[in-house]
Amino acid sequence: MPVIPPVLTQITDSSRYHGEPFFEALEQMLAAGVDAVLLREKALDSARLLALAARLRVMTRACGARLIIHTQADIAEAVDADGVHLAGTAIASVPAVRGWLADRSKTVSVSCHHEEDLHLAADAGADYALLSPVFPTASHPGAPCLGVTEFHRMAMQAPLPVVALGGMTPEHASELNWPHVAVISGLLSADDPAMATRRMRRCMPEYSVVSV
C-alpha cells in the first residue's frame, strides 16, 4: 500500500529558530495542525542532535504527529522516529537505509529538485519526495523556483507521492492547492504560529478541522 505523506511538515532550522521560544511555538503548531516534524540540523554534533530528537519525539508523540530525522538513521532508531529523510545527493542510499532500519514500516523519503530525481527516487524505493523549491525561499535566495504550473506538472506525473517545499506560506498554499506541504519559516516566523498553522491547513485541499 502506498505511503500517504504528512499533510503539513515543519522542518527545523536551529540557526534561526531555537531555544524555548522554538519549542513553545512548535507545541502550538502541533496542536493546530502540523502533523510531522523533520529534524534537519546539519551543524549539530551527535550528542546535541540526539537530545533534540528525543525532546521532539516526546512532543510529536503526544500530538500523534510523525518525527522524521534527516540523514541520521542511527538517531532515528535511537528515538524510535517514524522515518528518515535523505538529501537528493543520497537517493542511491535509500535501499541501504531501509535495510538498516529495524522496523521496515518506517518511511524513507528524499529531496528532489528535478523530474529525473523523482524517477530515481521511485526506482530506489523511496516512499515519497519533497519537491522544491516551489516559490522563492529565504533559505536559498536567488535560486530558480518551479512555480505553480511546473510543480503541478511534475508532481502529477511523478511515480511517487510528492510534498511541496519552498517559500510556503498560507497564501502560497492557497495558490498551490496541494494536499502535502512542508515549511521552514512560513509558520515559525509568524506572530501567531498556531493561527498561521490553522490558516495553512484551511488553505489546503481536503482540510479537516483540528480541535485546538
N, C-alpha and C. Protein backbone atom coordinates (compact mmCIF):
# COMPACT_ATOMS: atom_id res chain seq x y z
N MET A 1 0.85 -1.19 0.00
CA MET A 1 0.00 0.00 0.00
C MET A 1 0.89 1.25 0.00
N PRO A 2 0.65 2.22 -0.91
CA PRO A 2 1.48 3.43 -0.95
C PRO A 2 1.41 4.21 0.35
N VAL A 3 2.51 4.81 0.74
CA VAL A 3 2.57 5.64 1.93
C VAL A 3 1.92 6.99 1.64
N ILE A 4 1.07 7.45 2.54
CA ILE A 4 0.48 8.79 2.42
C ILE A 4 1.38 9.75 3.19
N PRO A 5 1.96 10.74 2.53
CA PRO A 5 2.84 11.68 3.22
C PRO A 5 2.08 12.51 4.25
N PRO A 6 2.80 13.11 5.19
CA PRO A 6 2.14 14.03 6.12
C PRO A 6 1.47 15.17 5.35
N VAL A 7 0.45 15.74 5.96
CA VAL A 7 -0.23 16.88 5.35
C VAL A 7 0.63 18.14 5.48
N LEU A 8 1.12 18.41 6.69
CA LEU A 8 1.86 19.64 6.95
C LEU A 8 3.10 19.32 7.79
N THR A 9 4.26 19.43 7.17
CA THR A 9 5.53 19.11 7.81
C THR A 9 6.29 20.37 8.18
N GLN A 10 6.73 20.47 9.43
CA GLN A 10 7.58 21.57 9.86
C GLN A 10 9.03 21.09 9.88
N ILE A 11 9.89 21.78 9.13
CA ILE A 11 11.31 21.45 9.08
C ILE A 11 12.05 22.37 10.04
N THR A 12 12.93 21.79 10.86
CA THR A 12 13.64 22.60 11.85
C THR A 12 14.83 23.33 11.22
N ASP A 13 15.21 24.43 11.85
CA ASP A 13 16.39 25.21 11.46
C ASP A 13 16.86 25.97 12.69
N SER A 14 17.72 25.34 13.49
CA SER A 14 18.11 25.94 14.77
C SER A 14 19.02 27.15 14.59
N SER A 15 19.51 27.40 13.38
CA SER A 15 20.30 28.62 13.16
C SER A 15 19.41 29.86 13.24
N ARG A 16 18.10 29.67 13.01
CA ARG A 16 17.16 30.79 13.07
C ARG A 16 16.12 30.64 14.18
N TYR A 17 15.74 29.42 14.48
CA TYR A 17 14.67 29.18 15.45
C TYR A 17 15.16 28.14 16.47
N HIS A 18 15.35 28.59 17.70
CA HIS A 18 15.95 27.70 18.69
C HIS A 18 15.51 28.12 20.09
N GLY A 19 15.92 27.32 21.08
CA GLY A 19 15.61 27.64 22.47
C GLY A 19 14.15 27.42 22.80
N GLU A 20 13.77 27.84 23.98
CA GLU A 20 12.40 27.63 24.44
C GLU A 20 11.34 28.29 23.56
N PRO A 21 11.60 29.48 22.98
CA PRO A 21 10.59 30.05 22.08
C PRO A 21 10.26 29.11 20.91
N PHE A 22 11.27 28.40 20.40
CA PHE A 22 11.02 27.44 19.33
C PHE A 22 10.10 26.31 19.80
N PHE A 23 10.41 25.73 20.95
CA PHE A 23 9.60 24.62 21.46
C PHE A 23 8.17 25.06 21.77
N GLU A 24 8.03 26.28 22.30
CA GLU A 24 6.69 26.79 22.61
C GLU A 24 5.88 26.98 21.32
N ALA A 25 6.54 27.55 20.30
CA ALA A 25 5.85 27.75 19.02
C ALA A 25 5.49 26.41 18.39
N LEU A 26 6.42 25.46 18.44
CA LEU A 26 6.17 24.16 17.83
C LEU A 26 5.04 23.43 18.54
N GLU A 27 4.98 23.53 19.84
CA GLU A 27 3.91 22.89 20.58
C GLU A 27 2.55 23.43 20.13
N GLN A 28 2.46 24.74 19.94
CA GLN A 28 1.21 25.34 19.46
C GLN A 28 0.89 24.87 18.04
N MET A 29 1.91 24.77 17.21
CA MET A 29 1.72 24.36 15.82
C MET A 29 1.28 22.91 15.72
N LEU A 30 1.85 22.06 16.55
CA LEU A 30 1.45 20.65 16.56
C LEU A 30 -0.02 20.51 16.97
N ALA A 31 -0.44 21.30 17.94
CA ALA A 31 -1.84 21.26 18.36
C ALA A 31 -2.78 21.81 17.30
N ALA A 32 -2.25 22.71 16.45
CA ALA A 32 -3.10 23.39 15.47
C ALA A 32 -3.13 22.70 14.11
N GLY A 33 -2.28 21.69 13.88
CA GLY A 33 -2.39 21.01 12.60
C GLY A 33 -1.11 20.53 11.95
N VAL A 34 0.05 20.88 12.48
CA VAL A 34 1.29 20.30 11.95
C VAL A 34 1.30 18.82 12.33
N ASP A 35 1.43 17.94 11.34
CA ASP A 35 1.36 16.51 11.65
C ASP A 35 2.67 15.77 11.41
N ALA A 36 3.75 16.53 11.17
CA ALA A 36 5.08 15.91 11.09
C ALA A 36 6.14 16.97 11.33
N VAL A 37 7.24 16.54 11.95
CA VAL A 37 8.40 17.40 12.14
C VAL A 37 9.59 16.70 11.51
N LEU A 38 10.28 17.42 10.64
CA LEU A 38 11.50 16.91 10.02
C LEU A 38 12.69 17.58 10.69
N LEU A 39 13.46 16.80 11.44
CA LEU A 39 14.63 17.32 12.15
C LEU A 39 15.80 17.35 11.18
N ARG A 40 16.14 18.54 10.70
CA ARG A 40 17.24 18.73 9.76
C ARG A 40 18.22 19.73 10.35
N GLU A 41 19.26 19.24 10.97
CA GLU A 41 20.23 20.08 11.67
C GLU A 41 21.63 19.59 11.35
N LYS A 42 22.17 20.01 10.23
CA LYS A 42 23.46 19.52 9.77
C LYS A 42 24.63 20.03 10.62
N ALA A 43 24.43 21.12 11.36
CA ALA A 43 25.53 21.71 12.11
C ALA A 43 25.65 21.19 13.54
N LEU A 44 24.67 20.44 14.01
CA LEU A 44 24.70 19.95 15.39
C LEU A 44 25.54 18.68 15.50
N ASP A 45 26.28 18.56 16.62
CA ASP A 45 27.00 17.31 16.84
C ASP A 45 26.01 16.23 17.28
N SER A 46 26.49 14.99 17.32
CA SER A 46 25.59 13.86 17.57
C SER A 46 24.88 13.95 18.91
N ALA A 47 25.59 14.41 19.93
CA ALA A 47 25.00 14.49 21.27
C ALA A 47 23.85 15.49 21.30
N ARG A 48 24.07 16.67 20.73
CA ARG A 48 23.01 17.68 20.73
C ARG A 48 21.86 17.28 19.81
N LEU A 49 22.19 16.62 18.70
CA LEU A 49 21.15 16.16 17.80
C LEU A 49 20.28 15.11 18.46
N LEU A 50 20.90 14.20 19.19
CA LEU A 50 20.15 13.16 19.89
C LEU A 50 19.25 13.76 20.96
N ALA A 51 19.76 14.73 21.70
CA ALA A 51 18.96 15.38 22.74
C ALA A 51 17.76 16.10 22.13
N LEU A 52 17.99 16.78 21.02
CA LEU A 52 16.89 17.49 20.35
C LEU A 52 15.87 16.50 19.80
N ALA A 53 16.37 15.43 19.19
CA ALA A 53 15.46 14.42 18.63
C ALA A 53 14.61 13.78 19.72
N ALA A 54 15.22 13.52 20.87
CA ALA A 54 14.48 12.89 21.96
C ALA A 54 13.36 13.81 22.46
N ARG A 55 13.65 15.10 22.55
CA ARG A 55 12.61 16.03 23.01
C ARG A 55 11.50 16.16 21.97
N LEU A 56 11.87 16.21 20.71
CA LEU A 56 10.87 16.31 19.65
C LEU A 56 10.04 15.03 19.56
N ARG A 57 10.64 13.89 19.88
CA ARG A 57 9.89 12.64 19.87
C ARG A 57 8.78 12.66 20.91
N VAL A 58 9.07 13.19 22.08
CA VAL A 58 8.06 13.31 23.12
C VAL A 58 6.93 14.24 22.66
N MET A 59 7.30 15.38 22.07
CA MET A 59 6.31 16.36 21.64
C MET A 59 5.44 15.82 20.51
N THR A 60 6.06 15.20 19.52
CA THR A 60 5.28 14.71 18.38
C THR A 60 4.39 13.55 18.79
N ARG A 61 4.90 12.66 19.61
CA ARG A 61 4.10 11.51 20.02
C ARG A 61 2.88 11.95 20.81
N ALA A 62 3.03 12.99 21.63
CA ALA A 62 1.91 13.49 22.43
C ALA A 62 0.78 14.02 21.55
N CYS A 63 1.12 14.46 20.34
CA CYS A 63 0.11 15.01 19.43
C CYS A 63 -0.23 14.08 18.28
N GLY A 64 0.33 12.87 18.30
CA GLY A 64 0.06 11.93 17.22
C GLY A 64 0.70 12.32 15.90
N ALA A 65 1.79 13.10 15.97
CA ALA A 65 2.47 13.55 14.76
C ALA A 65 3.71 12.69 14.50
N ARG A 66 4.15 12.70 13.26
CA ARG A 66 5.34 11.94 12.88
C ARG A 66 6.61 12.73 13.17
N LEU A 67 7.68 12.01 13.46
CA LEU A 67 9.01 12.61 13.58
C LEU A 67 9.90 11.95 12.54
N ILE A 68 10.48 12.77 11.68
CA ILE A 68 11.38 12.31 10.62
C ILE A 68 12.77 12.89 10.89
N ILE A 69 13.78 12.08 10.76
CA ILE A 69 15.16 12.53 11.00
C ILE A 69 15.91 12.62 9.68
N HIS A 70 16.56 13.74 9.46
CA HIS A 70 17.33 13.94 8.23
C HIS A 70 18.66 13.19 8.32
N THR A 71 18.87 12.26 7.41
CA THR A 71 20.16 11.56 7.20
C THR A 71 20.54 10.58 8.28
N GLN A 72 20.44 10.97 9.56
CA GLN A 72 20.99 10.19 10.67
C GLN A 72 20.06 9.04 11.05
N ALA A 73 20.20 7.92 10.34
CA ALA A 73 19.34 6.77 10.62
C ALA A 73 19.58 6.22 12.02
N ASP A 74 20.80 6.37 12.54
CA ASP A 74 21.08 5.88 13.90
C ASP A 74 20.32 6.69 14.94
N ILE A 75 20.19 8.00 14.71
CA ILE A 75 19.41 8.85 15.61
C ILE A 75 17.93 8.47 15.50
N ALA A 76 17.48 8.22 14.30
CA ALA A 76 16.08 7.82 14.09
C ALA A 76 15.77 6.54 14.85
N GLU A 77 16.69 5.59 14.82
CA GLU A 77 16.50 4.34 15.55
C GLU A 77 16.52 4.58 17.05
N ALA A 78 17.43 5.44 17.50
CA ALA A 78 17.60 5.66 18.94
C ALA A 78 16.35 6.25 19.59
N VAL A 79 15.64 7.11 18.86
CA VAL A 79 14.46 7.76 19.44
C VAL A 79 13.16 7.17 18.91
N ASP A 80 13.25 6.11 18.13
CA ASP A 80 12.08 5.47 17.53
C ASP A 80 11.29 6.48 16.69
N ALA A 81 12.02 7.21 15.81
CA ALA A 81 11.37 8.14 14.89
C ALA A 81 10.57 7.36 13.86
N ASP A 82 9.73 8.07 13.12
CA ASP A 82 8.84 7.43 12.16
C ASP A 82 9.47 7.28 10.78
N GLY A 83 10.63 7.90 10.57
CA GLY A 83 11.26 7.76 9.28
C GLY A 83 12.56 8.52 9.18
N VAL A 84 13.21 8.35 8.03
CA VAL A 84 14.48 9.02 7.72
C VAL A 84 14.30 9.75 6.40
N HIS A 85 14.83 10.96 6.32
CA HIS A 85 14.79 11.74 5.09
C HIS A 85 16.20 11.92 4.57
N LEU A 86 16.39 11.74 3.27
CA LEU A 86 17.71 11.83 2.66
C LEU A 86 17.79 12.99 1.67
N ALA A 87 18.98 13.56 1.55
CA ALA A 87 19.21 14.61 0.57
C ALA A 87 19.15 14.03 -0.84
N GLY A 88 18.97 14.91 -1.81
CA GLY A 88 18.89 14.46 -3.19
C GLY A 88 20.16 13.78 -3.67
N THR A 89 21.28 14.14 -3.07
CA THR A 89 22.55 13.51 -3.45
C THR A 89 22.69 12.10 -2.89
N ALA A 90 21.76 11.69 -2.03
CA ALA A 90 21.85 10.37 -1.39
C ALA A 90 20.72 9.44 -1.81
N ILE A 91 20.09 9.72 -2.95
CA ILE A 91 18.97 8.89 -3.39
C ILE A 91 19.38 7.43 -3.51
N ALA A 92 20.58 7.20 -3.98
CA ALA A 92 21.04 5.82 -4.17
C ALA A 92 21.15 5.05 -2.86
N SER A 93 21.17 5.77 -1.75
CA SER A 93 21.30 5.13 -0.43
C SER A 93 19.98 4.67 0.15
N VAL A 94 18.87 4.94 -0.53
CA VAL A 94 17.55 4.58 0.01
C VAL A 94 17.47 3.09 0.37
N PRO A 95 17.85 2.15 -0.52
CA PRO A 95 17.74 0.73 -0.15
C PRO A 95 18.58 0.36 1.07
N ALA A 96 19.79 0.93 1.17
CA ALA A 96 20.65 0.61 2.30
C ALA A 96 20.06 1.13 3.61
N VAL A 97 19.51 2.34 3.59
CA VAL A 97 18.90 2.90 4.80
C VAL A 97 17.68 2.09 5.20
N ARG A 98 16.86 1.73 4.24
CA ARG A 98 15.68 0.95 4.55
C ARG A 98 16.08 -0.42 5.12
N GLY A 99 17.11 -1.03 4.56
CA GLY A 99 17.56 -2.32 5.07
C GLY A 99 18.16 -2.23 6.45
N TRP A 100 18.74 -1.06 6.78
CA TRP A 100 19.38 -0.89 8.08
C TRP A 100 18.36 -0.68 9.19
N LEU A 101 17.22 -0.05 8.85
CA LEU A 101 16.20 0.23 9.86
C LEU A 101 15.58 -1.08 10.35
N ALA A 102 15.48 -1.22 11.65
CA ALA A 102 14.93 -2.44 12.22
C ALA A 102 13.45 -2.59 11.90
N ASP A 103 12.72 -1.50 11.92
CA ASP A 103 11.28 -1.51 11.62
C ASP A 103 11.08 -1.11 10.17
N ARG A 104 10.72 -2.06 9.32
CA ARG A 104 10.60 -1.79 7.89
C ARG A 104 9.39 -0.92 7.56
N SER A 105 8.53 -0.66 8.55
CA SER A 105 7.38 0.20 8.29
C SER A 105 7.76 1.68 8.36
N LYS A 106 8.96 1.99 8.85
CA LYS A 106 9.40 3.38 8.90
C LYS A 106 9.64 3.89 7.49
N THR A 107 9.32 5.15 7.25
CA THR A 107 9.42 5.70 5.90
C THR A 107 10.84 6.16 5.59
N VAL A 108 11.15 6.14 4.30
CA VAL A 108 12.39 6.73 3.79
C VAL A 108 11.97 7.69 2.67
N SER A 109 12.20 8.97 2.89
CA SER A 109 11.82 9.99 1.91
C SER A 109 13.08 10.70 1.42
N VAL A 110 12.95 11.43 0.32
CA VAL A 110 14.12 12.09 -0.27
C VAL A 110 13.76 13.49 -0.75
N SER A 111 14.78 14.33 -0.90
CA SER A 111 14.61 15.65 -1.50
C SER A 111 14.83 15.55 -3.00
N CYS A 112 13.97 16.18 -3.78
CA CYS A 112 14.09 16.19 -5.23
C CYS A 112 13.93 17.61 -5.76
N HIS A 113 14.63 17.88 -6.87
CA HIS A 113 14.55 19.21 -7.47
C HIS A 113 14.26 19.14 -8.97
N HIS A 114 14.39 17.96 -9.54
CA HIS A 114 14.21 17.79 -10.98
C HIS A 114 13.36 16.56 -11.25
N GLU A 115 12.81 16.51 -12.45
CA GLU A 115 11.97 15.38 -12.85
C GLU A 115 12.75 14.07 -12.75
N GLU A 116 14.01 14.10 -13.16
CA GLU A 116 14.83 12.89 -13.10
C GLU A 116 14.98 12.40 -11.67
N ASP A 117 15.11 13.34 -10.72
CA ASP A 117 15.24 12.96 -9.32
C ASP A 117 14.04 12.13 -8.86
N LEU A 118 12.85 12.54 -9.28
CA LEU A 118 11.63 11.85 -8.86
C LEU A 118 11.62 10.40 -9.34
N HIS A 119 12.06 10.19 -10.55
CA HIS A 119 12.10 8.83 -11.08
C HIS A 119 13.19 8.01 -10.40
N LEU A 120 14.33 8.63 -10.14
CA LEU A 120 15.39 7.92 -9.43
C LEU A 120 14.94 7.54 -8.02
N ALA A 121 14.23 8.46 -7.36
CA ALA A 121 13.73 8.19 -6.01
C ALA A 121 12.75 7.03 -6.00
N ALA A 122 11.84 7.02 -6.97
CA ALA A 122 10.87 5.93 -7.05
C ALA A 122 11.56 4.60 -7.33
N ASP A 123 12.53 4.62 -8.25
CA ASP A 123 13.26 3.40 -8.58
C ASP A 123 14.05 2.87 -7.39
N ALA A 124 14.52 3.79 -6.53
CA ALA A 124 15.30 3.39 -5.36
C ALA A 124 14.41 2.88 -4.23
N GLY A 125 13.10 3.09 -4.35
CA GLY A 125 12.18 2.61 -3.33
C GLY A 125 11.79 3.62 -2.28
N ALA A 126 12.01 4.92 -2.55
CA ALA A 126 11.60 5.95 -1.60
C ALA A 126 10.08 5.96 -1.46
N ASP A 127 9.60 6.32 -0.28
CA ASP A 127 8.16 6.35 -0.02
C ASP A 127 7.51 7.61 -0.56
N TYR A 128 8.21 8.74 -0.47
CA TYR A 128 7.70 9.99 -1.02
C TYR A 128 8.85 10.96 -1.18
N ALA A 129 8.59 12.06 -1.88
CA ALA A 129 9.63 13.04 -2.16
C ALA A 129 9.20 14.43 -1.73
N LEU A 130 10.15 15.23 -1.26
CA LEU A 130 9.95 16.65 -1.05
C LEU A 130 10.48 17.35 -2.30
N LEU A 131 9.59 17.97 -3.07
CA LEU A 131 9.96 18.62 -4.32
C LEU A 131 10.06 20.13 -4.10
N SER A 132 11.23 20.69 -4.43
CA SER A 132 11.47 22.10 -4.13
C SER A 132 12.50 22.69 -5.11
N PRO A 133 12.60 24.06 -5.08
CA PRO A 133 11.69 25.00 -4.39
C PRO A 133 10.52 25.37 -5.28
N VAL A 134 9.35 25.43 -4.69
CA VAL A 134 8.16 25.80 -5.45
C VAL A 134 8.10 27.31 -5.64
N PHE A 135 8.32 28.05 -4.54
CA PHE A 135 8.33 29.52 -4.57
C PHE A 135 9.70 30.01 -4.10
N PRO A 136 10.03 31.28 -4.34
CA PRO A 136 11.29 31.83 -3.82
C PRO A 136 11.38 31.62 -2.31
N THR A 137 12.56 31.29 -1.83
CA THR A 137 12.72 30.94 -0.43
C THR A 137 13.94 31.62 0.19
N ALA A 138 13.81 32.00 1.46
CA ALA A 138 14.90 32.68 2.16
C ALA A 138 16.08 31.76 2.39
N SER A 139 15.85 30.45 2.45
CA SER A 139 16.95 29.53 2.71
C SER A 139 17.85 29.33 1.49
N HIS A 140 17.31 29.64 0.29
CA HIS A 140 18.11 29.57 -0.94
C HIS A 140 17.82 30.81 -1.80
N PRO A 141 18.26 31.98 -1.32
CA PRO A 141 17.93 33.22 -2.03
C PRO A 141 18.49 33.23 -3.45
N GLY A 142 17.66 33.66 -4.37
CA GLY A 142 18.10 33.77 -5.76
C GLY A 142 18.02 32.48 -6.55
N ALA A 143 17.73 31.36 -5.91
CA ALA A 143 17.66 30.09 -6.62
C ALA A 143 16.40 30.07 -7.49
N PRO A 144 16.49 29.50 -8.69
CA PRO A 144 15.29 29.40 -9.53
C PRO A 144 14.25 28.51 -8.89
N CYS A 145 12.98 28.88 -9.03
CA CYS A 145 11.92 28.09 -8.42
C CYS A 145 11.01 27.52 -9.50
N LEU A 146 10.28 26.48 -9.14
CA LEU A 146 9.46 25.77 -10.09
C LEU A 146 8.22 26.55 -10.51
N GLY A 147 7.59 27.21 -9.54
CA GLY A 147 6.32 27.87 -9.81
C GLY A 147 5.17 26.87 -9.77
N VAL A 148 3.96 27.38 -9.73
CA VAL A 148 2.78 26.54 -9.54
C VAL A 148 2.56 25.58 -10.70
N THR A 149 2.63 26.08 -11.93
CA THR A 149 2.33 25.25 -13.09
C THR A 149 3.32 24.10 -13.24
N GLU A 150 4.61 24.39 -13.13
CA GLU A 150 5.63 23.35 -13.29
C GLU A 150 5.59 22.37 -12.14
N PHE A 151 5.36 22.88 -10.93
CA PHE A 151 5.25 21.95 -9.80
C PHE A 151 4.12 20.96 -10.03
N HIS A 152 2.95 21.45 -10.41
CA HIS A 152 1.82 20.57 -10.63
C HIS A 152 2.10 19.56 -11.75
N ARG A 153 2.73 20.01 -12.80
CA ARG A 153 3.05 19.08 -13.89
C ARG A 153 3.95 17.96 -13.39
N MET A 154 5.02 18.33 -12.67
CA MET A 154 5.97 17.32 -12.19
C MET A 154 5.35 16.43 -11.13
N ALA A 155 4.61 17.02 -10.21
CA ALA A 155 4.04 16.24 -9.11
C ALA A 155 2.95 15.29 -9.60
N MET A 156 2.13 15.74 -10.54
CA MET A 156 1.05 14.89 -11.04
C MET A 156 1.58 13.72 -11.87
N GLN A 157 2.75 13.91 -12.48
CA GLN A 157 3.34 12.85 -13.30
C GLN A 157 4.36 12.01 -12.52
N ALA A 158 4.65 12.39 -11.30
CA ALA A 158 5.67 11.69 -10.51
C ALA A 158 5.22 10.27 -10.18
N PRO A 159 6.18 9.34 -10.14
CA PRO A 159 5.84 7.95 -9.83
C PRO A 159 5.78 7.65 -8.34
N LEU A 160 5.80 8.68 -7.51
CA LEU A 160 5.67 8.51 -6.07
C LEU A 160 5.01 9.76 -5.50
N PRO A 161 4.45 9.69 -4.27
CA PRO A 161 3.81 10.87 -3.69
C PRO A 161 4.78 12.03 -3.50
N VAL A 162 4.27 13.24 -3.60
CA VAL A 162 5.12 14.44 -3.56
C VAL A 162 4.61 15.42 -2.51
N VAL A 163 5.56 15.98 -1.77
CA VAL A 163 5.30 17.05 -0.79
C VAL A 163 5.92 18.33 -1.35
N ALA A 164 5.19 19.43 -1.31
CA ALA A 164 5.67 20.71 -1.82
C ALA A 164 6.49 21.44 -0.76
N LEU A 165 7.63 21.99 -1.17
CA LEU A 165 8.51 22.71 -0.25
C LEU A 165 9.09 23.93 -0.97
N GLY A 166 9.27 25.00 -0.20
CA GLY A 166 9.93 26.17 -0.73
C GLY A 166 9.06 27.40 -0.75
N GLY A 167 9.30 28.31 0.20
CA GLY A 167 8.55 29.56 0.24
C GLY A 167 7.09 29.41 0.60
N MET A 168 6.77 28.35 1.34
CA MET A 168 5.36 28.07 1.63
C MET A 168 4.83 28.95 2.75
N THR A 169 3.78 29.68 2.44
CA THR A 169 3.02 30.50 3.38
C THR A 169 1.55 30.11 3.20
N PRO A 170 0.66 30.54 4.09
CA PRO A 170 -0.76 30.26 3.85
C PRO A 170 -1.24 30.75 2.49
N GLU A 171 -0.75 31.93 2.08
CA GLU A 171 -1.16 32.48 0.79
C GLU A 171 -0.65 31.60 -0.36
N HIS A 172 0.60 31.16 -0.26
CA HIS A 172 1.15 30.31 -1.31
C HIS A 172 0.50 28.93 -1.30
N ALA A 173 0.16 28.43 -0.12
CA ALA A 173 -0.54 27.14 -0.04
C ALA A 173 -1.89 27.22 -0.74
N SER A 174 -2.57 28.34 -0.59
CA SER A 174 -3.85 28.53 -1.25
C SER A 174 -3.67 28.56 -2.77
N GLU A 175 -2.62 29.27 -3.21
CA GLU A 175 -2.36 29.36 -4.64
C GLU A 175 -1.96 28.00 -5.22
N LEU A 176 -1.19 27.23 -4.47
CA LEU A 176 -0.70 25.95 -4.96
C LEU A 176 -1.78 24.88 -4.96
N ASN A 177 -2.64 24.90 -3.93
CA ASN A 177 -3.76 23.94 -3.85
C ASN A 177 -3.25 22.50 -3.92
N TRP A 178 -2.33 22.17 -3.00
CA TRP A 178 -1.73 20.83 -2.96
C TRP A 178 -1.90 20.26 -1.55
N PRO A 179 -2.20 18.95 -1.41
CA PRO A 179 -2.56 18.41 -0.09
C PRO A 179 -1.40 18.05 0.83
N HIS A 180 -0.15 18.21 0.36
CA HIS A 180 1.00 17.87 1.20
C HIS A 180 2.05 18.96 1.07
N VAL A 181 2.34 19.64 2.18
CA VAL A 181 3.22 20.82 2.16
C VAL A 181 4.22 20.73 3.31
N ALA A 182 5.43 21.20 3.07
CA ALA A 182 6.45 21.31 4.12
C ALA A 182 6.90 22.76 4.21
N VAL A 183 7.18 23.21 5.43
CA VAL A 183 7.57 24.60 5.66
C VAL A 183 8.79 24.67 6.55
N ILE A 184 9.51 25.78 6.45
CA ILE A 184 10.61 26.06 7.38
C ILE A 184 10.25 27.32 8.16
N SER A 185 10.26 28.45 7.48
CA SER A 185 10.00 29.71 8.18
C SER A 185 8.56 30.19 8.07
N GLY A 186 7.78 29.60 7.19
CA GLY A 186 6.43 30.10 6.92
C GLY A 186 5.52 30.13 8.12
N LEU A 187 5.73 29.24 9.09
CA LEU A 187 4.92 29.23 10.30
C LEU A 187 5.68 29.76 11.50
N LEU A 188 6.94 29.36 11.63
CA LEU A 188 7.72 29.78 12.80
C LEU A 188 7.98 31.28 12.85
N SER A 189 7.98 31.93 11.69
CA SER A 189 8.22 33.37 11.68
C SER A 189 6.95 34.19 11.90
N ALA A 190 5.82 33.51 11.97
CA ALA A 190 4.53 34.22 12.15
C ALA A 190 4.41 34.76 13.57
N ASP A 191 3.68 35.86 13.71
CA ASP A 191 3.44 36.42 15.04
C ASP A 191 2.65 35.44 15.91
N ASP A 192 1.74 34.71 15.28
CA ASP A 192 0.94 33.71 15.97
C ASP A 192 1.06 32.39 15.20
N PRO A 193 2.06 31.54 15.56
CA PRO A 193 2.28 30.30 14.81
C PRO A 193 1.07 29.38 14.76
N ALA A 194 0.29 29.31 15.83
CA ALA A 194 -0.89 28.45 15.84
C ALA A 194 -1.92 28.94 14.83
N MET A 195 -2.17 30.24 14.81
CA MET A 195 -3.14 30.79 13.87
C MET A 195 -2.66 30.60 12.44
N ALA A 196 -1.35 30.81 12.21
CA ALA A 196 -0.79 30.61 10.88
C ALA A 196 -0.93 29.16 10.44
N THR A 197 -0.76 28.24 11.37
CA THR A 197 -0.91 26.81 11.06
C THR A 197 -2.34 26.50 10.66
N ARG A 198 -3.30 27.00 11.42
CA ARG A 198 -4.70 26.76 11.08
C ARG A 198 -5.04 27.36 9.72
N ARG A 199 -4.51 28.55 9.44
CA ARG A 199 -4.75 29.17 8.14
C ARG A 199 -4.16 28.32 7.02
N MET A 200 -2.94 27.82 7.25
CA MET A 200 -2.29 26.98 6.25
C MET A 200 -3.14 25.75 5.95
N ARG A 201 -3.61 25.09 7.00
CA ARG A 201 -4.42 23.88 6.80
C ARG A 201 -5.72 24.20 6.07
N ARG A 202 -6.33 25.34 6.38
CA ARG A 202 -7.59 25.70 5.71
C ARG A 202 -7.37 26.03 4.24
N CYS A 203 -6.16 26.44 3.89
CA CYS A 203 -5.85 26.79 2.51
C CYS A 203 -5.51 25.59 1.65
N MET A 204 -5.39 24.42 2.28
CA MET A 204 -5.00 23.21 1.57
C MET A 204 -6.22 22.35 1.28
N PRO A 205 -6.24 21.62 0.17
CA PRO A 205 -7.40 20.78 -0.16
C PRO A 205 -7.56 19.66 0.85
N GLU A 206 -8.80 19.21 0.99
CA GLU A 206 -9.14 18.12 1.91
C GLU A 206 -8.81 18.48 3.34
N TYR A 207 -8.97 19.76 3.67
CA TYR A 207 -8.74 20.21 5.05
C TYR A 207 -9.77 19.60 5.99
N SER A 208 -9.31 19.10 7.11
CA SER A 208 -10.22 18.60 8.14
C SER A 208 -9.97 19.40 9.41
N VAL A 209 -11.02 19.79 10.09
CA VAL A 209 -10.91 20.66 11.24
C VAL A 209 -10.10 19.98 12.35
N VAL A 210 -9.16 20.72 12.92
CA VAL A 210 -8.35 20.22 14.02
C VAL A 210 -8.79 20.94 15.28
N SER A 211 -9.14 20.21 16.30
CA SER A 211 -9.55 20.82 17.56
C SER A 211 -8.35 21.41 18.27
N VAL A 212 -8.47 22.64 18.74
CA VAL A 212 -7.38 23.28 19.47
C VAL A 212 -7.96 23.94 20.72
